[in-house]
Amino acid sequence: MIFDETDKKLLERLQNDSKQTNKELSNALGLSVTAVYERIKKLEKEGYIDSYTAVINKRKIDRNFVAFCHVKLLQHSQDFVVSFEKEVNGLNEVLECYHVSGDYDYLLKVIVKDMEAFREFMVKKLTTINHIGSTHSMFVINEVKQTNIIRF
């Protein structure tokens, strides 16, 4: 597959608003509706587009408390890593989990209602996962920038 400037423009437009019709996209890109449809299908098939989602307003759903948690495992064995990753994937409060380098092994982005809900999450869920040696949490004071849009 050839990935060209038109594909990049199409992806940027879809990232900004994936509910645009193929007609709207065709007008913006100077392509036929069929060409836009075929390019989107090609980008999906080739794995450039993983999925389509809606961005939810955290305040509207009362989940405006965001924390980042560093997690250090007791050991770096394959069993510990696989077990931790499986369990953390089942926690609805964890929006993102990254295996990272440095002093800690994982970085989690957690979203809950408030500090009380965060404490409950830590005590009843996260710290009950086997193989966790230590955690360190930071709380978001103000969200300065949050985006999923990749610019080309």
C-alpha atoms as a PDB file:
ATOM      1  CA  MET A   1       0.000   0.000   0.000  1.00  0.00           C
ATOM      2  CA  ILE A   2       1.203   3.497  -0.844  1.00  0.00           C
ATOM      3  CA  PHE A   3       0.564   5.909   2.056  1.00  0.00           C
ATOM      4  CA  ASP A   4       0.416   9.403   0.551  1.00  0.00           C
ATOM      5  CA  GLU A   5      -0.396  13.001   1.502  1.00  0.00           C
ATOM      6  CA  THR A   6      -4.091  12.494   0.730  1.00  0.00           C
ATOM      7  CA  ASP A   7      -4.197   9.578   3.158  1.00  0.00           C
ATOM      8  CA  LYS A   8      -2.554  11.769   5.809  1.00  0.00           C
ATOM      9  CA  LYS A   9      -5.108  14.543   5.254  1.00  0.00           C
ATOM     10  CA  LEU A  10      -7.926  12.015   5.375  1.00  0.00           C
ATOM     11  CA  LEU A  11      -6.649  10.561   8.656  1.00  0.00           C
ATOM     12  CA  GLU A  12      -6.310  14.030  10.198  1.00  0.00           C
ATOM     13  CA  ARG A  13      -9.884  14.891   9.213  1.00  0.00           C
ATOM     14  CA  LEU A  14     -11.193  11.583  10.590  1.00  0.00           C
ATOM     15  CA  GLN A  15      -9.289  12.098  13.858  1.00  0.00           C
ATOM     16  CA  ASN A  16     -10.866  15.526  14.266  1.00  0.00           C
ATOM     17  CA  ASP A  17     -14.370  14.251  13.511  1.00  0.00           C
ATOM     18  CA  SER A  18     -14.956  10.639  12.549  1.00  0.00           C
ATOM     19  CA  LYS A  19     -18.660  11.305  12.041  1.00  0.00           C
ATOM     20  CA  GLN A  20     -18.052  13.301   8.863  1.00  0.00           C
ATOM     21  CA  THR A  21     -19.825  11.809   5.906  1.00  0.00           C
ATOM     22  CA  ASN A  22     -17.888  10.554   2.908  1.00  0.00           C
ATOM     23  CA  LYS A  23     -19.509  13.411   0.966  1.00  0.00           C
ATOM     24  CA  GLU A  24     -18.126  15.995   3.410  1.00  0.00           C
ATOM     25  CA  LEU A  25     -14.703  14.369   3.254  1.00  0.00           C
ATOM     26  CA  SER A  26     -14.794  14.203  -0.549  1.00  0.00           C
ATOM     27  CA  ASN A  27     -15.590  17.923  -0.747  1.00  0.00           C
ATOM     28  CA  ALA A  28     -12.777  18.814   1.660  1.00  0.00           C
ATOM     29  CA  LEU A  29     -10.208  16.619  -0.077  1.00  0.00           C
ATOM     30  CA  GLY A  30     -11.282  17.164  -3.676  1.00  0.00           C
ATOM     31  CA  LEU A  31     -11.971  13.473  -4.263  1.00  0.00           C
ATOM     32  CA  SER A  32     -15.022  11.539  -5.327  1.00  0.00           C
ATOM     33  CA  VAL A  33     -17.187   9.950  -2.644  1.00  0.00           C
ATOM     34  CA  THR A  34     -16.188   6.525  -3.971  1.00  0.00           C
ATOM     35  CA  ALA A  35     -12.473   7.378  -3.757  1.00  0.00           C
ATOM     36  CA  VAL A  36     -12.892   8.505  -0.141  1.00  0.00           C
ATOM     37  CA  TYR A  37     -14.819   5.347   0.727  1.00  0.00           C
ATOM     38  CA  GLU A  38     -12.152   3.137  -0.878  1.00  0.00           C
ATOM     39  CA  ARG A  39      -9.305   4.988   0.863  1.00  0.00           C
ATOM     40  CA  ILE A  40     -10.991   4.637   4.258  1.00  0.00           C
ATOM     41  CA  LYS A  41     -11.558   0.919   3.699  1.00  0.00           C
ATOM     42  CA  LYS A  42      -7.916   0.539   2.612  1.00  0.00           C
ATOM     43  CA  LEU A  43      -6.664   2.406   5.713  1.00  0.00           C
ATOM     44  CA  GLU A  44      -8.828   0.208   7.936  1.00  0.00           C
ATOM     45  CA  LYS A  45      -7.740  -3.015   6.219  1.00  0.00           C
ATOM     46  CA  GLU A  46      -4.044  -2.104   6.393  1.00  0.00           C
ATOM     47  CA  GLY A  47      -4.283  -1.267  10.117  1.00  0.00           C
ATOM     48  CA  TYR A  48      -3.797   2.503   9.923  1.00  0.00           C
ATOM     49  CA  ILE A  49      -7.191   2.929  11.600  1.00  0.00           C
ATOM     50  CA  ASP A  50      -7.643   0.726  14.663  1.00  0.00           C
ATOM     51  CA  SER A  51     -11.123   1.839  15.712  1.00  0.00           C
ATOM     52  CA  TYR A  52     -13.554   4.719  16.044  1.00  0.00           C
ATOM     53  CA  THR A  53     -14.499   6.166  19.421  1.00  0.00           C
ATOM     54  CA  ALA A  54     -16.373   9.020  21.040  1.00  0.00           C
ATOM     55  CA  VAL A  55     -14.569  11.354  23.456  1.00  0.00           C
ATOM     56  CA  ILE A  56     -16.637  11.572  26.632  1.00  0.00           C
ATOM     57  CA  ASN A  57     -16.824  14.705  28.792  1.00  0.00           C
ATOM     58  CA  LYS A  58     -15.464  13.494  32.161  1.00  0.00           C
ATOM     59  CA  ARG A  59     -17.348  16.154  34.120  1.00  0.00           C
ATOM     60  CA  LYS A  60     -20.700  15.136  32.663  1.00  0.00           C
ATOM     61  CA  ILE A  61     -20.271  11.548  33.847  1.00  0.00           C
ATOM     62  CA  ASP A  62     -18.785  12.534  37.236  1.00  0.00           C
ATOM     63  CA  ARG A  63     -15.356  11.008  36.575  1.00  0.00           C
ATOM     64  CA  ASN A  64     -13.215  14.115  36.717  1.00  0.00           C
ATOM     65  CA  PHE A  65     -10.505  12.940  39.148  1.00  0.00           C
ATOM     66  CA  VAL A  66      -7.450  11.800  37.186  1.00  0.00           C
ATOM     67  CA  ALA A  67      -4.385  10.240  38.747  1.00  0.00           C
ATOM     68  CA  PHE A  68      -1.212   8.699  37.403  1.00  0.00           C
ATOM     69  CA  CYS A  69       0.117   5.717  39.320  1.00  0.00           C
ATOM     70  CA  HIS A  70       3.598   4.317  39.087  1.00  0.00           C
ATOM     71  CA  VAL A  71       3.732   0.621  39.908  1.00  0.00           C
ATOM     72  CA  LYS A  72       6.830  -1.394  40.737  1.00  0.00           C
ATOM     73  CA  LEU A  73       6.647  -5.186  40.641  1.00  0.00           C
ATOM     74  CA  LEU A  74       8.426  -7.389  43.167  1.00  0.00           C
ATOM     75  CA  GLN A  75      10.247  -9.164  40.345  1.00  0.00           C
ATOM     76  CA  HIS A  76      10.543  -8.819  36.596  1.00  0.00           C
ATOM     77  CA  SER A  77       9.793 -12.438  35.816  1.00  0.00           C
ATOM     78  CA  GLN A  78       7.558 -13.272  32.887  1.00  0.00           C
ATOM     79  CA  ASP A  79       4.946 -14.753  35.231  1.00  0.00           C
ATOM     80  CA  PHE A  80       4.726 -11.555  37.298  1.00  0.00           C
ATOM     81  CA  VAL A  81       4.536  -9.328  34.220  1.00  0.00           C
ATOM     82  CA  VAL A  82       1.873 -11.419  32.471  1.00  0.00           C
ATOM     83  CA  SER A  83      -0.178 -11.764  35.656  1.00  0.00           C
ATOM     84  CA  PHE A  84      -0.061  -8.033  36.439  1.00  0.00           C
ATOM     85  CA  GLU A  85      -0.947  -6.999  32.898  1.00  0.00           C
ATOM     86  CA  LYS A  86      -3.877  -9.410  32.784  1.00  0.00           C
ATOM     87  CA  GLU A  87      -5.288  -8.144  36.067  1.00  0.00           C
ATOM     88  CA  VAL A  88      -4.813  -4.445  35.308  1.00  0.00           C
ATOM     89  CA  ASN A  89      -6.652  -4.916  32.012  1.00  0.00           C
ATOM     90  CA  GLY A  90      -9.729  -5.863  34.045  1.00  0.00           C
ATOM     91  CA  LEU A  91      -9.794  -2.610  36.030  1.00  0.00           C
ATOM     92  CA  ASN A  92     -12.343  -0.187  34.556  1.00  0.00           C
ATOM     93  CA  GLU A  93     -10.761   2.762  36.360  1.00  0.00           C
ATOM     94  CA  VAL A  94      -7.500   2.293  34.447  1.00  0.00           C
ATOM     95  CA  LEU A  95      -7.743   4.079  31.105  1.00  0.00           C
ATOM     96  CA  GLU A  96      -4.152   3.493  30.051  1.00  0.00           C
ATOM     97  CA  CYS A  97      -1.314   1.262  31.196  1.00  0.00           C
ATOM     98  CA  TYR A  98       2.257   1.460  29.947  1.00  0.00           C
ATOM     99  CA  HIS A  99       5.203  -0.822  30.694  1.00  0.00           C
ATOM    100  CA  VAL A 100       7.983   1.738  31.138  1.00  0.00           C
ATOM    101  CA  SER A 101      11.678   2.036  31.853  1.00  0.00           C
ATOM    102  CA  GLY A 102      13.061   3.779  34.912  1.00  0.00           C
ATOM    103  CA  ASP A 103      12.469   3.428  38.635  1.00  0.00           C
ATOM    104  CA  TYR A 104       8.982   1.980  38.189  1.00  0.00           C
ATOM    105  CA  ASP A 105       7.731  -0.755  35.880  1.00  0.00           C
ATOM    106  CA  TYR A 106       4.307   0.578  34.893  1.00  0.00           C
ATOM    107  CA  LEU A 107       2.517   3.888  34.516  1.00  0.00           C
ATOM    108  CA  LEU A 108      -1.274   3.840  34.869  1.00  0.00           C
ATOM    109  CA  LYS A 109      -3.744   6.581  34.028  1.00  0.00           C
ATOM    110  CA  VAL A 110      -6.669   6.246  36.420  1.00  0.00           C
ATOM    111  CA  ILE A 111     -10.001   8.063  36.313  1.00  0.00           C
ATOM    112  CA  VAL A 112     -12.515   8.069  39.173  1.00  0.00           C
ATOM    113  CA  LYS A 113     -15.100  10.359  40.783  1.00  0.00           C
ATOM    114  CA  ASP A 114     -13.014  11.880  43.580  1.00  0.00           C
ATOM    115  CA  MET A 115     -10.244  11.302  46.134  1.00  0.00           C
ATOM    116  CA  GLU A 116     -12.433   8.957  48.154  1.00  0.00           C
ATOM    117  CA  ALA A 117     -13.099   6.830  45.072  1.00  0.00           C
ATOM    118  CA  PHE A 118      -9.377   6.856  44.270  1.00  0.00           C
ATOM    119  CA  ARG A 119      -8.539   5.607  47.768  1.00  0.00           C
ATOM    120  CA  GLU A 120     -11.110   2.836  47.395  1.00  0.00           C
ATOM    121  CA  PHE A 121      -9.635   1.909  44.015  1.00  0.00           C
ATOM    122  CA  MET A 122      -6.126   1.732  45.491  1.00  0.00           C
ATOM    123  CA  VAL A 123      -7.089  -0.216  48.625  1.00  0.00           C
ATOM    124  CA  LYS A 124      -9.674  -2.605  47.196  1.00  0.00           C
ATOM    125  CA  LYS A 125      -8.438  -3.113  43.648  1.00  0.00           C
ATOM    126  CA  LEU A 126      -4.955  -2.054  42.605  1.00  0.00           C
ATOM    127  CA  THR A 127      -2.975  -3.033  45.691  1.00  0.00           C
ATOM    128  CA  THR A 128      -4.736  -6.400  45.904  1.00  0.00           C
ATOM    129  CA  ILE A 129      -3.032  -7.444  42.651  1.00  0.00           C
ATOM    130  CA  ASN A 130      -0.290  -9.963  43.364  1.00  0.00           C
ATOM    131  CA  HIS A 131       3.351  -9.120  42.737  1.00  0.00           C
ATOM    132  CA  ILE A 132       3.110  -5.337  43.328  1.00  0.00           C
ATOM    133  CA  GLY A 133       6.079  -4.145  45.353  1.00  0.00           C
ATOM    134  CA  SER A 134       5.217  -0.453  45.566  1.00  0.00           C
ATOM    135  CA  THR A 135       3.131   2.330  44.056  1.00  0.00           C
ATOM    136  CA  HIS A 136       3.482   6.083  43.738  1.00  0.00           C
ATOM    137  CA  SER A 137       0.561   8.322  42.745  1.00  0.00           C
ATOM    138  CA  MET A 138       0.277  11.812  41.299  1.00  0.00           C
ATOM    139  CA  PHE A 139      -2.971  13.733  40.895  1.00  0.00           C
ATOM    140  CA  VAL A 140      -3.906  15.987  38.007  1.00  0.00           C
ATOM    141  CA  ILE A 141      -4.418  19.602  39.058  1.00  0.00           C
ATOM    142  CA  ASN A 142      -5.316  20.891  35.610  1.00  0.00           C
ATOM    143  CA  GLU A 143      -5.510  19.165  32.232  1.00  0.00           C
ATOM    144  CA  VAL A 144      -3.434  21.424  30.003  1.00  0.00           C
ATOM    145  CA  LYS A 145      -3.535  19.273  26.867  1.00  0.00           C
ATOM    146  CA  GLN A 146      -5.224  15.981  26.101  1.00  0.00           C
ATOM    147  CA  THR A 147      -5.503  14.628  22.588  1.00  0.00           C
ATOM    148  CA  ASN A 148      -5.449  11.407  20.637  1.00  0.00           C
ATOM    149  CA  ILE A 149      -4.867  13.226  17.360  1.00  0.00           C
ATOM    150  CA  ILE A 150      -1.602  12.441  15.578  1.00  0.00           C
ATOM    151  CA  ARG A 151      -0.491  15.265  13.279  1.00  0.00           C
ATOM    152  CA  PHE A 152       1.530  14.529  10.148  1.00  0.00           C
END
